Amino acid sequence: MSKIIQKQELNEQHQLFSEFPATSYLEWRQAAEKSLKGASFEEKLVSQTYEGIELQPMYFQEDIRNLSYRSSKPGSAPYVHVLPYQVKG
């Protein structure tokens, strides 16, 4: 796909989403809880990896705004970026 077509598609998607107001986490959560009809938000929508890391059903810009490593470069401390690798075998 050419870059021009990709750019047109992104512009069209942006126009579609601009019709809807942005919502806060609180507004989203309230709508999600209403759709669960009394079921526990945490039990139904929050999951955990085998390592015990909690995975939320939705993430917002506020969730990553103050992460200290956002400005670090791959391959430099604090080494949190995953670099591409090859499996040989």
Protein backbone atom coordinates (compact mmCIF):
# COMPACT_ATOMS: atom_id res chain seq x y z
CA MET A 1 0.00 0.00 0.00
CA SER A 2 1.41 3.38 -0.91
CA LYS A 3 2.07 6.08 1.64
CA ILE A 4 -0.44 8.39 -0.05
CA ILE A 5 -3.26 5.85 0.34
CA GLN A 6 -2.28 5.21 3.96
CA LYS A 7 -2.32 8.94 4.68
CA GLN A 8 -5.77 9.29 3.07
CA GLU A 9 -7.10 6.43 5.18
CA LEU A 10 -5.71 7.99 8.36
CA ASN A 11 -7.34 11.31 7.47
CA GLU A 12 -10.67 9.56 6.85
CA GLN A 13 -10.41 7.71 10.17
CA HIS A 14 -9.59 10.95 11.99
CA GLN A 15 -12.66 12.58 10.45
CA LEU A 16 -14.83 9.69 11.61
CA PHE A 17 -13.54 9.84 15.17
CA SER A 18 -13.77 13.62 15.34
CA GLU A 19 -17.56 13.25 15.27
CA PHE A 20 -17.47 11.72 18.74
CA PRO A 21 -16.47 13.58 21.89
CA ALA A 22 -13.48 12.30 23.82
CA THR A 23 -14.43 10.59 27.07
CA SER A 24 -12.63 10.41 30.37
CA TYR A 25 -11.76 7.17 32.11
CA LEU A 26 -14.50 7.82 34.66
CA GLU A 27 -17.14 8.21 31.94
CA TRP A 28 -15.92 5.08 30.16
CA ARG A 29 -15.84 3.08 33.39
CA GLN A 30 -19.35 4.15 34.34
CA ALA A 31 -20.65 3.03 30.93
CA ALA A 32 -18.77 -0.27 31.22
CA GLU A 33 -20.14 -0.94 34.72
CA LYS A 34 -23.67 -0.16 33.53
CA SER A 35 -23.32 -2.67 30.68
CA LEU A 36 -22.09 -5.33 33.15
CA LYS A 37 -25.48 -5.16 34.92
CA GLY A 38 -24.14 -5.58 38.44
CA ALA A 39 -21.25 -7.94 37.66
CA SER A 40 -17.87 -7.00 39.12
CA PHE A 41 -15.78 -4.78 36.82
CA GLU A 42 -12.55 -6.26 38.20
CA GLU A 43 -13.69 -9.88 37.83
CA LYS A 44 -15.09 -9.48 34.32
CA LEU A 45 -12.74 -7.00 32.68
CA VAL A 46 -9.43 -6.92 34.54
CA SER A 47 -7.14 -9.89 33.88
CA GLN A 48 -3.70 -10.96 35.03
CA THR A 49 -0.72 -12.44 33.25
CA TYR A 50 1.03 -15.51 34.65
CA GLU A 51 3.58 -13.10 36.13
CA GLY A 52 0.85 -11.34 38.12
CA ILE A 53 0.74 -8.19 35.98
CA GLU A 54 -2.74 -6.66 35.94
CA LEU A 55 -4.10 -5.93 32.48
CA GLN A 56 -6.77 -3.27 32.35
CA PRO A 57 -9.46 -3.46 29.66
CA MET A 58 -8.67 0.07 28.47
CA TYR A 59 -5.69 2.39 28.72
CA PHE A 60 -5.66 6.15 28.33
CA GLN A 61 -2.98 8.78 27.73
CA GLU A 62 -3.05 9.61 31.45
CA ASP A 63 -1.83 6.07 32.19
CA ILE A 64 1.51 6.64 30.47
CA ARG A 65 1.97 10.38 30.84
CA ASN A 66 4.39 10.20 33.81
CA LEU A 67 6.32 7.02 32.98
CA SER A 68 9.98 7.84 33.50
CA TYR A 69 11.27 5.69 30.64
CA ARG A 70 9.13 7.20 27.87
CA SER A 71 12.00 9.43 26.81
CA SER A 72 14.68 6.73 26.92
CA LYS A 73 16.10 5.25 23.74
CA PRO A 74 16.08 1.54 22.91
CA GLY A 75 19.32 -0.09 24.05
CA SER A 76 19.99 2.43 26.83
CA ALA A 77 19.10 2.41 30.52
CA PRO A 78 16.57 1.52 31.92
CA TYR A 79 16.44 -1.16 29.17
CA VAL A 80 12.68 -1.43 28.95
CA HIS A 81 12.31 -1.37 25.17
CA VAL A 82 12.16 -4.64 23.29
CA LEU A 83 14.52 -4.80 20.36
CA PRO A 84 13.84 -6.99 17.32
CA TYR A 85 15.65 -10.33 17.40
CA GLN A 86 16.07 -13.37 15.20
CA VAL A 87 15.51 -16.97 16.20
CA LYS A 88 18.13 -19.25 14.75
CA GLY A 89 17.63 -22.92 14.59
